[in-house]
Amino acid sequence: MILKSIKLENFLSHDETEIEFAEDGITAIIGENGAGKSSIIEAIIFALYGTSNKGVNRDLIKWGRKKAKVELIFKKRDEIYKIERELELNKRNIADSKSFIYKFERGNYQLYFIKEAN
């Protein structure tokens, strides 16, 4: 698997962050303490597996916000996929989640799988 890009919206310490990964090489994530480096790794894990080491899903939503989203694009063999995971706080302060997986075919991302949970 080759990571191509990731987008974070209101995820942990990130408001809006977009990262393009080097396709032929190594990507280094550097920054000061508290800059959000670990949050990027946590977002990759969350996108791929739908879980986190940071606790329950509502803890992944940036403080004071109601929604968070992670979008990860990666290449596996010769296929390109996009995973979108969304979290939204409901009235009981529980984060409902939606997961969408798309496969790049014929020049567009086609919906491949969808899952909703609370």
PDB file of N, CA and C in Angstrom:
ATOM      1  N   MET A   1       0.849  -1.175   0.000  1.00  0.00           N
ATOM      2  CA  MET A   1       0.000   0.000   0.000  1.00  0.00           C
ATOM      3  C   MET A   1       0.894   1.237   0.000  1.00  0.00           C
ATOM      4  N   ILE A   2       0.529   2.193  -0.848  1.00  0.00           N
ATOM      5  CA  ILE A   2       1.245   3.466  -0.917  1.00  0.00           C
ATOM      6  C   ILE A   2       0.258   4.582  -0.593  1.00  0.00           C
ATOM      7  N   LEU A   3       0.526   5.322   0.469  1.00  0.00           N
ATOM      8  CA  LEU A   3      -0.326   6.457   0.821  1.00  0.00           C
ATOM      9  C   LEU A   3      -0.089   7.573  -0.183  1.00  0.00           C
ATOM     10  N   LYS A   4      -1.183   8.163  -0.674  1.00  0.00           N
ATOM     11  CA  LYS A   4      -1.074   9.255  -1.639  1.00  0.00           C
ATOM     12  C   LYS A   4      -1.372  10.605  -0.987  1.00  0.00           C
ATOM     13  N   SER A   5      -2.457  10.684  -0.202  1.00  0.00           N
ATOM     14  CA  SER A   5      -2.798  11.952   0.456  1.00  0.00           C
ATOM     15  C   SER A   5      -3.742  11.702   1.625  1.00  0.00           C
ATOM     16  N   ILE A   6      -3.804  12.701   2.490  1.00  0.00           N
ATOM     17  CA  ILE A   6      -4.747  12.669   3.606  1.00  0.00           C
ATOM     18  C   ILE A   6      -5.260  14.083   3.841  1.00  0.00           C
ATOM     19  N   LYS A   7      -6.540  14.173   4.171  1.00  0.00           N
ATOM     20  CA  LYS A   7      -7.165  15.444   4.540  1.00  0.00           C
ATOM     21  C   LYS A   7      -7.815  15.262   5.903  1.00  0.00           C
ATOM     22  N   LEU A   8      -7.607  16.233   6.774  1.00  0.00           N
ATOM     23  CA  LEU A   8      -8.207  16.209   8.109  1.00  0.00           C
ATOM     24  C   LEU A   8      -9.048  17.463   8.281  1.00  0.00           C
ATOM     25  N   GLU A   9     -10.248  17.301   8.812  1.00  0.00           N
ATOM     26  CA  GLU A   9     -11.109  18.434   9.150  1.00  0.00           C
ATOM     27  C   GLU A   9     -11.586  18.249  10.584  1.00  0.00           C
ATOM     28  N   ASN A  10     -11.208  19.177  11.448  1.00  0.00           N
ATOM     29  CA  ASN A  10     -11.610  19.159  12.862  1.00  0.00           C
ATOM     30  C   ASN A  10     -11.256  17.839  13.548  1.00  0.00           C
ATOM     31  N   PHE A  11     -10.144  17.258  13.153  1.00  0.00           N
ATOM     32  CA  PHE A  11      -9.700  15.988  13.713  1.00  0.00           C
ATOM     33  C   PHE A  11      -8.571  16.263  14.700  1.00  0.00           C
ATOM     34  N   LEU A  12      -8.815  15.917  15.967  1.00  0.00           N
ATOM     35  CA  LEU A  12      -7.881  16.169  17.055  1.00  0.00           C
ATOM     36  C   LEU A  12      -7.412  17.619  17.017  1.00  0.00           C
ATOM     37  N   SER A  13      -6.127  17.890  16.812  1.00  0.00           N
ATOM     38  CA  SER A  13      -5.640  19.272  16.876  1.00  0.00           C
ATOM     39  C   SER A  13      -5.722  20.005  15.530  1.00  0.00           C
ATOM     40  N   HIS A  14      -6.203  19.357  14.492  1.00  0.00           N
ATOM     41  CA  HIS A  14      -6.196  19.931  13.141  1.00  0.00           C
ATOM     42  C   HIS A  14      -7.549  20.551  12.775  1.00  0.00           C
ATOM     43  N   ASP A  15      -7.502  21.801  12.284  1.00  0.00           N
ATOM     44  CA  ASP A  15      -8.702  22.434  11.724  1.00  0.00           C
ATOM     45  C   ASP A  15      -8.923  21.895  10.315  1.00  0.00           C
ATOM     46  N   GLU A  16      -8.060  22.279   9.422  1.00  0.00           N
ATOM     47  CA  GLU A  16      -8.066  21.797   8.041  1.00  0.00           C
ATOM     48  C   GLU A  16      -6.626  21.568   7.625  1.00  0.00           C
ATOM     49  N   THR A  17      -6.293  20.320   7.374  1.00  0.00           N
ATOM     50  CA  THR A  17      -4.935  19.964   6.986  1.00  0.00           C
ATOM     51  C   THR A  17      -4.992  19.030   5.788  1.00  0.00           C
ATOM     52  N   GLU A  18      -4.158  19.297   4.790  1.00  0.00           N
ATOM     53  CA  GLU A  18      -4.015  18.419   3.632  1.00  0.00           C
ATOM     54  C   GLU A  18      -2.545  18.084   3.455  1.00  0.00           C
ATOM     55  N   ILE A  19      -2.259  16.806   3.261  1.00  0.00           N
ATOM     56  CA  ILE A  19      -0.892  16.356   3.071  1.00  0.00           C
ATOM     57  C   ILE A  19      -0.837  15.463   1.838  1.00  0.00           C
ATOM     58  N   GLU A  20       0.104  15.748   0.958  1.00  0.00           N
ATOM     59  CA  GLU A  20       0.400  14.888  -0.184  1.00  0.00           C
ATOM     60  C   GLU A  20       1.664  14.110   0.168  1.00  0.00           C
ATOM     61  N   PHE A  21       1.591  12.782   0.116  1.00  0.00           N
ATOM     62  CA  PHE A  21       2.741  11.952   0.444  1.00  0.00           C
ATOM     63  C   PHE A  21       3.597  11.732  -0.802  1.00  0.00           C
ATOM     64  N   ALA A  22       4.904  11.605  -0.601  1.00  0.00           N
ATOM     65  CA  ALA A  22       5.829  11.327  -1.705  1.00  0.00           C
ATOM     66  C   ALA A  22       5.585   9.902  -2.187  1.00  0.00           C
ATOM     67  N   GLU A  23       5.283   9.760  -3.470  1.00  0.00           N
ATOM     68  CA  GLU A  23       4.985   8.426  -4.010  1.00  0.00           C
ATOM     69  C   GLU A  23       6.248   7.589  -4.164  1.00  0.00           C
ATOM     70  N   ASP A  24       7.332   8.211  -4.553  1.00  0.00           N
ATOM     71  CA  ASP A  24       8.597   7.500  -4.730  1.00  0.00           C
ATOM     72  C   ASP A  24       9.612   8.010  -3.717  1.00  0.00           C
ATOM     73  N   GLY A  25       9.491   7.570  -2.494  1.00  0.00           N
ATOM     74  CA  GLY A  25      10.438   8.029  -1.493  1.00  0.00           C
ATOM     75  C   GLY A  25       9.880   7.910  -0.096  1.00  0.00           C
ATOM     76  N   ILE A  26      10.430   8.735   0.767  1.00  0.00           N
ATOM     77  CA  ILE A  26      10.078   8.701   2.184  1.00  0.00           C
ATOM     78  C   ILE A  26       9.458  10.035   2.568  1.00  0.00           C
ATOM     79  N   THR A  27       8.422   9.980   3.359  1.00  0.00           N
ATOM     80  CA  THR A  27       7.801  11.185   3.888  1.00  0.00           C
ATOM     81  C   THR A  27       8.175  11.307   5.353  1.00  0.00           C
ATOM     82  N   ALA A  28       8.686  12.459   5.731  1.00  0.00           N
ATOM     83  CA  ALA A  28       9.024  12.729   7.132  1.00  0.00           C
ATOM     84  C   ALA A  28       8.035  13.751   7.678  1.00  0.00           C
ATOM     85  N   ILE A  29       7.533  13.495   8.860  1.00  0.00           N
ATOM     86  CA  ILE A  29       6.625  14.424   9.532  1.00  0.00           C
ATOM     87  C   ILE A  29       7.407  15.035  10.694  1.00  0.00           C
ATOM     88  N   ILE A  30       7.685  16.335  10.594  1.00  0.00           N
ATOM     89  CA  ILE A  30       8.480  17.001  11.615  1.00  0.00           C
ATOM     90  C   ILE A  30       7.725  18.206  12.154  1.00  0.00           C
ATOM     91  N   GLY A  31       8.043  18.609  13.358  1.00  0.00           N
ATOM     92  CA  GLY A  31       7.419  19.779  13.953  1.00  0.00           C
ATOM     93  C   GLY A  31       7.656  19.819  15.448  1.00  0.00           C
ATOM     94  N   GLU A  32       7.276  20.926  16.028  1.00  0.00           N
ATOM     95  CA  GLU A  32       7.419  21.126  17.468  1.00  0.00           C
ATOM     96  C   GLU A  32       6.482  20.188  18.236  1.00  0.00           C
ATOM     97  N   ASN A  33       6.758  20.043  19.533  1.00  0.00           N
ATOM     98  CA  ASN A  33       5.853  19.295  20.398  1.00  0.00           C
ATOM     99  C   ASN A  33       4.470  19.947  20.351  1.00  0.00           C
ATOM    100  N   GLY A  34       3.443  19.127  20.235  1.00  0.00           N
ATOM    101  CA  GLY A  34       2.073  19.638  20.214  1.00  0.00           C
ATOM    102  C   GLY A  34       1.633  20.186  18.870  1.00  0.00           C
ATOM    103  N   ALA A  35       2.449  20.020  17.830  1.00  0.00           N
ATOM    104  CA  ALA A  35       2.103  20.554  16.504  1.00  0.00           C
ATOM    105  C   ALA A  35       1.091  19.689  15.756  1.00  0.00           C
ATOM    106  N   GLY A  36       0.870  18.440  16.208  1.00  0.00           N
ATOM    107  CA  GLY A  36      -0.118  17.578  15.567  1.00  0.00           C
ATOM    108  C   GLY A  36       0.463  16.439  14.747  1.00  0.00           C
ATOM    109  N   LYS A  37       1.743  16.140  14.936  1.00  0.00           N
ATOM    110  CA  LYS A  37       2.376  15.041  14.198  1.00  0.00           C
ATOM    111  C   LYS A  37       1.712  13.700  14.517  1.00  0.00           C
ATOM    112  N   SER A  38       1.526  13.422  15.772  1.00  0.00           N
ATOM    113  CA  SER A  38       0.897  12.161  16.175  1.00  0.00           C
ATOM    114  C   SER A  38      -0.550  12.091  15.705  1.00  0.00           C
ATOM    115  N   SER A  39      -1.201  13.238  15.620  1.00  0.00           N
ATOM    116  CA  SER A  39      -2.588  13.279  15.145  1.00  0.00           C
ATOM    117  C   SER A  39      -2.694  12.839  13.688  1.00  0.00           C
ATOM    118  N   ILE A  40      -1.663  13.114  12.907  1.00  0.00           N
ATOM    119  CA  ILE A  40      -1.657  12.671  11.505  1.00  0.00           C
ATOM    120  C   ILE A  40      -1.585  11.146  11.450  1.00  0.00           C
ATOM    121  N   ILE A  41      -0.702  10.565  12.256  1.00  0.00           N
ATOM    122  CA  ILE A  41      -0.598   9.100  12.316  1.00  0.00           C
ATOM    123  C   ILE A  41      -1.903   8.510  12.829  1.00  0.00           C
ATOM    124  N   GLU A  42      -2.488   9.132  13.842  1.00  0.00           N
ATOM    125  CA  GLU A  42      -3.766   8.668  14.397  1.00  0.00           C
ATOM    126  C   GLU A  42      -4.862   8.728  13.333  1.00  0.00           C
ATOM    127  N   ALA A  43      -4.845   9.755  12.490  1.00  0.00           N
ATOM    128  CA  ALA A  43      -5.838   9.892  11.421  1.00  0.00           C
ATOM    129  C   ALA A  43      -5.692   8.781  10.387  1.00  0.00           C
ATOM    130  N   ILE A  44      -4.459   8.407  10.071  1.00  0.00           N
ATOM    131  CA  ILE A  44      -4.235   7.301   9.132  1.00  0.00           C
ATOM    132  C   ILE A  44      -4.794   6.010   9.709  1.00  0.00           C
ATOM    133  N   ILE A  45      -4.509   5.751  10.969  1.00  0.00           N
ATOM    134  CA  ILE A  45      -5.029   4.546  11.637  1.00  0.00           C
ATOM    135  C   ILE A  45      -6.560   4.566  11.660  1.00  0.00           C
ATOM    136  N   PHE A  46      -7.134   5.723  12.014  1.00  0.00           N
ATOM    137  CA  PHE A  46      -8.587   5.839  12.065  1.00  0.00           C
ATOM    138  C   PHE A  46      -9.200   5.621  10.683  1.00  0.00           C
ATOM    139  N   ALA A  47      -8.600   6.197   9.649  1.00  0.00           N
ATOM    140  CA  ALA A  47      -9.133   6.024   8.296  1.00  0.00           C
ATOM    141  C   ALA A  47      -9.122   4.551   7.882  1.00  0.00           C
ATOM    142  N   LEU A  48      -8.036   3.871   8.166  1.00  0.00           N
ATOM    143  CA  LEU A  48      -7.906   2.479   7.738  1.00  0.00           C
ATOM    144  C   LEU A  48      -8.743   1.511   8.560  1.00  0.00           C
ATOM    145  N   TYR A  49      -8.824   1.735   9.876  1.00  0.00           N
ATOM    146  CA  TYR A  49      -9.439   0.739  10.758  1.00  0.00           C
ATOM    147  C   TYR A  49     -10.703   1.205  11.467  1.00  0.00           C
ATOM    148  N   GLY A  50     -10.986   2.493  11.459  1.00  0.00           N
ATOM    149  CA  GLY A  50     -12.192   3.004  12.112  1.00  0.00           C
ATOM    150  C   GLY A  50     -12.099   3.065  13.617  1.00  0.00           C
ATOM    151  N   THR A  51     -10.893   2.879  14.159  1.00  0.00           N
ATOM    152  CA  THR A  51     -10.687   2.946  15.605  1.00  0.00           C
ATOM    153  C   THR A  51      -9.478   3.833  15.892  1.00  0.00           C
ATOM    154  N   SER A  52      -9.290   4.117  17.169  1.00  0.00           N
ATOM    155  CA  SER A  52      -8.200   4.993  17.572  1.00  0.00           C
ATOM    156  C   SER A  52      -7.681   4.587  18.939  1.00  0.00           C
ATOM    157  N   ASN A  53      -6.449   4.930  19.203  1.00  0.00           N
ATOM    158  CA  ASN A  53      -5.869   4.728  20.531  1.00  0.00           C
ATOM    159  C   ASN A  53      -6.197   5.880  21.467  1.00  0.00           C
ATOM    160  N   LYS A  54      -6.855   6.906  20.953  1.00  0.00           N
ATOM    161  CA  LYS A  54      -7.137   8.130  21.714  1.00  0.00           C
ATOM    162  C   LYS A  54      -8.422   8.043  22.536  1.00  0.00           C
ATOM    163  N   GLY A  55      -9.079   6.905  22.566  1.00  0.00           N
ATOM    164  CA  GLY A  55     -10.314   6.784  23.338  1.00  0.00           C
ATOM    165  C   GLY A  55     -11.517   6.619  22.430  1.00  0.00           C
ATOM    166  N   VAL A  56     -12.670   7.075  22.903  1.00  0.00           N
ATOM    167  CA  VAL A  56     -13.901   6.934  22.130  1.00  0.00           C
ATOM    168  C   VAL A  56     -13.906   7.939  20.979  1.00  0.00           C
ATOM    169  N   ASN A  57     -14.733   7.670  19.984  1.00  0.00           N
ATOM    170  CA  ASN A  57     -14.747   8.486  18.774  1.00  0.00           C
ATOM    171  C   ASN A  57     -15.001   9.969  19.027  1.00  0.00           C
ATOM    172  N   ARG A  58     -15.807  10.313  20.026  1.00  0.00           N
ATOM    173  CA  ARG A  58     -16.080  11.733  20.254  1.00  0.00           C
ATOM    174  C   ARG A  58     -14.812  12.491  20.661  1.00  0.00           C
ATOM    175  N   ASP A  59     -13.825  11.760  21.221  1.00  0.00           N
ATOM    176  CA  ASP A  59     -12.561  12.383  21.606  1.00  0.00           C
ATOM    177  C   ASP A  59     -11.711  12.765  20.390  1.00  0.00           C
ATOM    178  N   LEU A  60     -12.055  12.253  19.216  1.00  0.00           N
ATOM    179  CA  LEU A  60     -11.304  12.560  17.997  1.00  0.00           C
ATOM    180  C   LEU A  60     -11.755  13.870  17.361  1.00  0.00           C
ATOM    181  N   ILE A  61     -12.939  14.340  17.736  1.00  0.00           N
ATOM    182  CA  ILE A  61     -13.466  15.593  17.193  1.00  0.00           C
ATOM    183  C   ILE A  61     -12.810  16.740  17.945  1.00  0.00           C
ATOM    184  N   LYS A  62     -12.296  17.710  17.203  1.00  0.00           N
ATOM    185  CA  LYS A  62     -11.619  18.854  17.807  1.00  0.00           C
ATOM    186  C   LYS A  62     -12.541  19.537  18.818  1.00  0.00           C
ATOM    187  N   TRP A  63     -11.952  19.929  19.932  1.00  0.00           N
ATOM    188  CA  TRP A  63     -12.705  20.564  21.023  1.00  0.00           C
ATOM    189  C   TRP A  63     -13.536  21.732  20.495  1.00  0.00           C
ATOM    190  N   GLY A  64     -14.828  21.757  20.853  1.00  0.00           N
ATOM    191  CA  GLY A  64     -15.719  22.836  20.466  1.00  0.00           C
ATOM    192  C   GLY A  64     -16.372  22.656  19.110  1.00  0.00           C
ATOM    193  N   ARG A  65     -16.077  21.591  18.418  1.00  0.00           N
ATOM    194  CA  ARG A  65     -16.663  21.319  17.103  1.00  0.00           C
ATOM    195  C   ARG A  65     -17.653  20.168  17.209  1.00  0.00           C
ATOM    196  N   LYS A  66     -18.517  20.049  16.224  1.00  0.00           N
ATOM    197  CA  LYS A  66     -19.544  18.996  16.221  1.00  0.00           C
ATOM    198  C   LYS A  66     -19.237  17.864  15.244  1.00  0.00           C
ATOM    199  N   LYS A  67     -18.355  18.132  14.267  1.00  0.00           N
ATOM    200  CA  LYS A  67     -18.067  17.152  13.221  1.00  0.00           C
ATOM    201  C   LYS A  67     -16.573  17.068  12.975  1.00  0.00           C
ATOM    202  N   ALA A  68     -16.142  15.899  12.517  1.00  0.00           N
ATOM    203  CA  ALA A  68     -14.769  15.697  12.072  1.00  0.00           C
ATOM    204  C   ALA A  68     -14.799  14.780  10.854  1.00  0.00           C
ATOM    205  N   LYS A  69     -13.766  14.915  10.034  1.00  0.00           N
ATOM    206  CA  LYS A  69     -13.694  14.091   8.827  1.00  0.00           C
ATOM    207  C   LYS A  69     -12.238  13.797   8.502  1.00  0.00           C
ATOM    208  N   VAL A  70     -11.985  12.567   8.063  1.00  0.00           N
ATOM    209  CA  VAL A  70     -10.676  12.146   7.573  1.00  0.00           C
ATOM    210  C   VAL A  70     -10.886  11.517   6.206  1.00  0.00           C
ATOM    211  N   GLU A  71     -10.061  11.927   5.253  1.00  0.00           N
ATOM    212  CA  GLU A  71     -10.105  11.356   3.905  1.00  0.00           C
ATOM    213  C   GLU A  71      -8.700  10.880   3.560  1.00  0.00           C
ATOM    214  N   LEU A  72      -8.566   9.594   3.268  1.00  0.00           N
ATOM    215  CA  LEU A  72      -7.272   9.005   2.947  1.00  0.00           C
ATOM    216  C   LEU A  72      -7.340   8.395   1.555  1.00  0.00           C
ATOM    217  N   ILE A  73      -6.379   8.760   0.703  1.00  0.00           N
ATOM    218  CA  ILE A  73      -6.279   8.165  -0.629  1.00  0.00           C
ATOM    219  C   ILE A  73      -5.002   7.342  -0.657  1.00  0.00           C
ATOM    220  N   PHE A  74      -5.131   6.101  -1.145  1.00  0.00           N
ATOM    221  CA  PHE A  74      -3.971   5.218  -1.208  1.00  0.00           C
ATOM    222  C   PHE A  74      -4.046   4.326  -2.442  1.00  0.00           C
ATOM    223  N   LYS A  75      -2.896   3.786  -2.775  1.00  0.00           N
ATOM    224  CA  LYS A  75      -2.780   2.875  -3.912  1.00  0.00           C
ATOM    225  C   LYS A  75      -2.430   1.499  -3.389  1.00  0.00           C
ATOM    226  N   LYS A  76      -3.152   0.498  -3.858  1.00  0.00           N
ATOM    227  CA  LYS A  76      -2.868  -0.891  -3.501  1.00  0.00           C
ATOM    228  C   LYS A  76      -2.793  -1.674  -4.806  1.00  0.00           C
ATOM    229  N   ARG A  77      -1.646  -2.241  -5.041  1.00  0.00           N
ATOM    230  CA  ARG A  77      -1.322  -2.848  -6.332  1.00  0.00           C
ATOM    231  C   ARG A  77      -1.496  -1.771  -7.397  1.00  0.00           C
ATOM    232  N   ASP A  78      -2.363  -1.966  -8.353  1.00  0.00           N
ATOM    233  CA  ASP A  78      -2.579  -0.947  -9.384  1.00  0.00           C
ATOM    234  C   ASP A  78      -3.900  -0.220  -9.204  1.00  0.00           C
ATOM    235  N   GLU A  79      -4.559  -0.401  -8.072  1.00  0.00           N
ATOM    236  CA  GLU A  79      -5.870   0.211  -7.812  1.00  0.00           C
ATOM    237  C   GLU A  79      -5.709   1.387  -6.848  1.00  0.00           C
ATOM    238  N   ILE A  80      -6.519   2.433  -7.036  1.00  0.00           N
ATOM    239  CA  ILE A  80      -6.519   3.583  -6.136  1.00  0.00           C
ATOM    240  C   ILE A  80      -7.846   3.617  -5.389  1.00  0.00           C
ATOM    241  N   TYR A  81      -7.768   3.807  -4.076  1.00  0.00           N
ATOM    242  CA  TYR A  81      -8.943   3.840  -3.214  1.00  0.00           C
ATOM    243  C   TYR A  81      -8.960   5.137  -2.411  1.00  0.00           C
ATOM    244  N   LYS A  82     -10.160   5.528  -2.022  1.00  0.00           N
ATOM    245  CA  LYS A  82     -10.338   6.667  -1.118  1.00  0.00           C
ATOM    246  C   LYS A  82     -11.257   6.221   0.014  1.00  0.00           C
ATOM    247  N   ILE A  83     -10.815   6.456   1.234  1.00  0.00           N
ATOM    248  CA  ILE A  83     -11.631   6.179   2.419  1.00  0.00           C
ATOM    249  C   ILE A  83     -12.009   7.512   3.041  1.00  0.00           C
ATOM    250  N   GLU A  84     -13.297   7.694   3.305  1.00  0.00           N
ATOM    251  CA  GLU A  84     -13.779   8.862   4.045  1.00  0.00           C
ATOM    252  C   GLU A  84     -14.451   8.367   5.304  1.00  0.00           C
ATOM    253  N   ARG A  85     -14.026   8.899   6.431  1.00  0.00           N
ATOM    254  CA  ARG A  85     -14.680   8.592   7.710  1.00  0.00           C
ATOM    255  C   ARG A  85     -15.116   9.904   8.324  1.00  0.00           C
ATOM    256  N   GLU A  86     -16.386   9.962   8.702  1.00  0.00           N
ATOM    257  CA  GLU A  86     -16.967  11.163   9.290  1.00  0.00           C
ATOM    258  C   GLU A  86     -17.487  10.849  10.680  1.00  0.00           C
ATOM    259  N   LEU A  87     -17.295  11.781  11.590  1.00  0.00           N
ATOM    260  CA  LEU A  87     -17.835  11.685  12.945  1.00  0.00           C
ATOM    261  C   LEU A  87     -18.699  12.910  13.190  1.00  0.00           C
ATOM    262  N   GLU A  88     -19.843  12.702  13.821  1.00  0.00           N
ATOM    263  CA  GLU A  88     -20.721  13.828  14.162  1.00  0.00           C
ATOM    264  C   GLU A  88     -21.366  13.560  15.510  1.00  0.00           C
ATOM    265  N   LEU A  89     -21.276  14.559  16.400  1.00  0.00           N
ATOM    266  CA  LEU A  89     -21.887  14.417  17.718  1.00  0.00           C
ATOM    267  C   LEU A  89     -23.403  14.491  17.595  1.00  0.00           C
ATOM    268  N   ASN A  90     -24.095  13.554  18.242  1.00  0.00           N
ATOM    269  CA  ASN A  90     -25.551  13.607  18.253  1.00  0.00           C
ATOM    270  C   ASN A  90     -26.026  14.299  19.536  1.00  0.00           C
ATOM    271  N   LYS A  91     -27.317  14.318  19.755  1.00  0.00           N
ATOM    272  CA  LYS A  91     -27.884  15.038  20.913  1.00  0.00           C
ATOM    273  C   LYS A  91     -27.441  14.453  22.250  1.00  0.00           C
ATOM    274  N   ARG A  92     -27.035  13.181  22.266  1.00  0.00           N
ATOM    275  CA  ARG A  92     -26.580  12.544  23.503  1.00  0.00           C
ATOM    276  C   ARG A  92     -25.065  12.652  23.678  1.00  0.00           C
ATOM    277  N   ASN A  93     -24.418  13.495  22.833  1.00  0.00           N
ATOM    278  CA  ASN A  93     -22.981  13.714  22.883  1.00  0.00           C
ATOM    279  C   ASN A  93     -22.185  12.446  22.570  1.00  0.00           C
ATOM    280  N   ILE A  94     -22.771  11.598  21.727  1.00  0.00           N
ATOM    281  CA  ILE A  94     -22.107  10.392  21.240  1.00  0.00           C
ATOM    282  C   ILE A  94     -21.783  10.626  19.767  1.00  0.00           C
ATOM    283  N   ALA A  95     -20.617  10.215  19.343  1.00  0.00           N
ATOM    284  CA  ALA A  95     -20.207  10.446  17.957  1.00  0.00           C
ATOM    285  C   ALA A  95     -20.738   9.334  17.062  1.00  0.00           C
ATOM    286  N   ASP A  96     -21.660   9.703  16.174  1.00  0.00           N
ATOM    287  CA  ASP A  96     -22.114   8.784  15.137  1.00  0.00           C
ATOM    288  C   ASP A  96     -21.065   8.788  14.034  1.00  0.00           C
ATOM    289  N   SER A  97     -20.844   7.639  13.421  1.00  0.00           N
ATOM    290  CA  SER A  97     -19.814   7.579  12.387  1.00  0.00           C
ATOM    291  C   SER A  97     -20.395   7.076  11.067  1.00  0.00           C
ATOM    292  N   LYS A  98     -19.799   7.569  10.001  1.00  0.00           N
ATOM    293  CA  LYS A  98     -20.121   7.122   8.650  1.00  0.00           C
ATOM    294  C   LYS A  98     -18.807   6.831   7.956  1.00  0.00           C
ATOM    295  N   SER A  99     -18.777   5.741   7.223  1.00  0.00           N
ATOM    296  CA  SER A  99     -17.571   5.353   6.500  1.00  0.00           C
ATOM    297  C   SER A  99     -17.921   5.078   5.049  1.00  0.00           C
ATOM    298  N   PHE A 100     -17.124   5.623   4.161  1.00  0.00           N
ATOM    299  CA  PHE A 100     -17.325   5.441   2.735  1.00  0.00           C
ATOM    300  C   PHE A 100     -16.001   5.000   2.123  1.00  0.00           C
ATOM    301  N   ILE A 101     -16.052   3.982   1.287  1.00  0.00           N
ATOM    302  CA  ILE A 101     -14.869   3.560   0.548  1.00  0.00           C
ATOM    303  C   ILE A 101     -15.189   3.691  -0.938  1.00  0.00           C
ATOM    304  N   TYR A 102     -14.279   4.339  -1.642  1.00  0.00           N
ATOM    305  CA  TYR A 102     -14.438   4.550  -3.073  1.00  0.00           C
ATOM    306  C   TYR A 102     -13.272   3.887  -3.804  1.00  0.00           C
ATOM    307  N   LYS A 103     -13.551   3.427  -5.003  1.00  0.00           N
ATOM    308  CA  LYS A 103     -12.515   2.873  -5.866  1.00  0.00           C
ATOM    309  C   LYS A 103     -12.444   3.736  -7.123  1.00  0.00           C
ATOM    310  N   PHE A 104     -11.229   4.082  -7.538  1.00  0.00           N
ATOM    311  CA  PHE A 104     -11.049   4.929  -8.713  1.00  0.00           C
ATOM    312  C   PHE A 104     -11.176   4.068  -9.963  1.00  0.00           C
ATOM    313  N   GLU A 105     -12.226   4.342 -10.736  1.00  0.00           N
ATOM    314  CA  GLU A 105     -12.493   3.599 -11.969  1.00  0.00           C
ATOM    315  C   GLU A 105     -13.003   4.551 -13.038  1.00  0.00           C
ATOM    316  N   ARG A 106     -12.530   4.354 -14.246  1.00  0.00           N
ATOM    317  CA  ARG A 106     -12.990   5.147 -15.389  1.00  0.00           C
ATOM    318  C   ARG A 106     -12.906   6.653 -15.125  1.00  0.00           C
ATOM    319  N   GLY A 107     -11.840   7.086 -14.448  1.00  0.00           N
ATOM    320  CA  GLY A 107     -11.595   8.500 -14.247  1.00  0.00           C
ATOM    321  C   GLY A 107     -12.315   9.154 -13.086  1.00  0.00           C
ATOM    322  N   ASN A 108     -13.088   8.371 -12.297  1.00  0.00           N
ATOM    323  CA  ASN A 108     -13.824   8.922 -11.148  1.00  0.00           C
ATOM    324  C   ASN A 108     -13.791   7.933  -9.984  1.00  0.00           C
ATOM    325  N   TYR A 109     -14.052   8.467  -8.803  1.00  0.00           N
ATOM    326  CA  TYR A 109     -14.205   7.605  -7.639  1.00  0.00           C
ATOM    327  C   TYR A 109     -15.626   7.069  -7.601  1.00  0.00           C
ATOM    328  N   GLN A 110     -15.749   5.737  -7.596  1.00  0.00           N
ATOM    329  CA  GLN A 110     -17.042   5.068  -7.550  1.00  0.00           C
ATOM    330  C   GLN A 110     -17.237   4.489  -6.151  1.00  0.00           C
ATOM    331  N   LEU A 111     -18.437   4.687  -5.589  1.00  0.00           N
ATOM    332  CA  LEU A 111     -18.727   4.162  -4.251  1.00  0.00           C
ATOM    333  C   LEU A 111     -18.580   2.643  -4.259  1.00  0.00           C
ATOM    334  N   TYR A 112     -17.812   2.138  -3.329  1.00  0.00           N
ATOM    335  CA  TYR A 112     -17.473   0.728  -3.248  1.00  0.00           C
ATOM    336  C   TYR A 112     -18.111   0.084  -2.012  1.00  0.00           C
ATOM    337  N   PHE A 113     -18.195   0.861  -0.899  1.00  0.00           N
ATOM    338  CA  PHE A 113     -18.731   0.328   0.362  1.00  0.00           C
ATOM    339  C   PHE A 113     -19.151   1.494   1.243  1.00  0.00           C
ATOM    340  N   ILE A 114     -20.224   1.300   2.027  1.00  0.00           N
ATOM    341  CA  ILE A 114     -20.681   2.337   2.961  1.00  0.00           C
ATOM    342  C   ILE A 114     -21.074   1.648   4.273  1.00  0.00           C
ATOM    343  N   LYS A 115     -20.791   2.324   5.391  1.00  0.00           N
ATOM    344  CA  LYS A 115     -21.144   1.797   6.712  1.00  0.00           C
ATOM    345  C   LYS A 115     -21.497   2.969   7.618  1.00  0.00           C
ATOM    346  N   GLU A 116     -22.599   2.826   8.333  1.00  0.00           N
ATOM    347  CA  GLU A 116     -23.004   3.831   9.333  1.00  0.00           C
ATOM    348  C   GLU A 116     -23.127   3.134  10.674  1.00  0.00           C
ATOM    349  N   ALA A 117     -22.655   3.808  11.719  1.00  0.00           N
ATOM    350  CA  ALA A 117     -22.722   3.238  13.066  1.00  0.00           C
ATOM    351  C   ALA A 117     -22.809   4.364  14.075  1.00  0.00           C
ATOM    352  N   ASN A 118     -23.269   4.025  15.287  1.00  0.00           N
ATOM    353  CA  ASN A 118     -23.243   5.000  16.385  1.00  0.00           C
ATOM    354  C   ASN A 118     -22.747   4.330  17.632  1.00  0.00           C
TER     355      ASN A 118
END
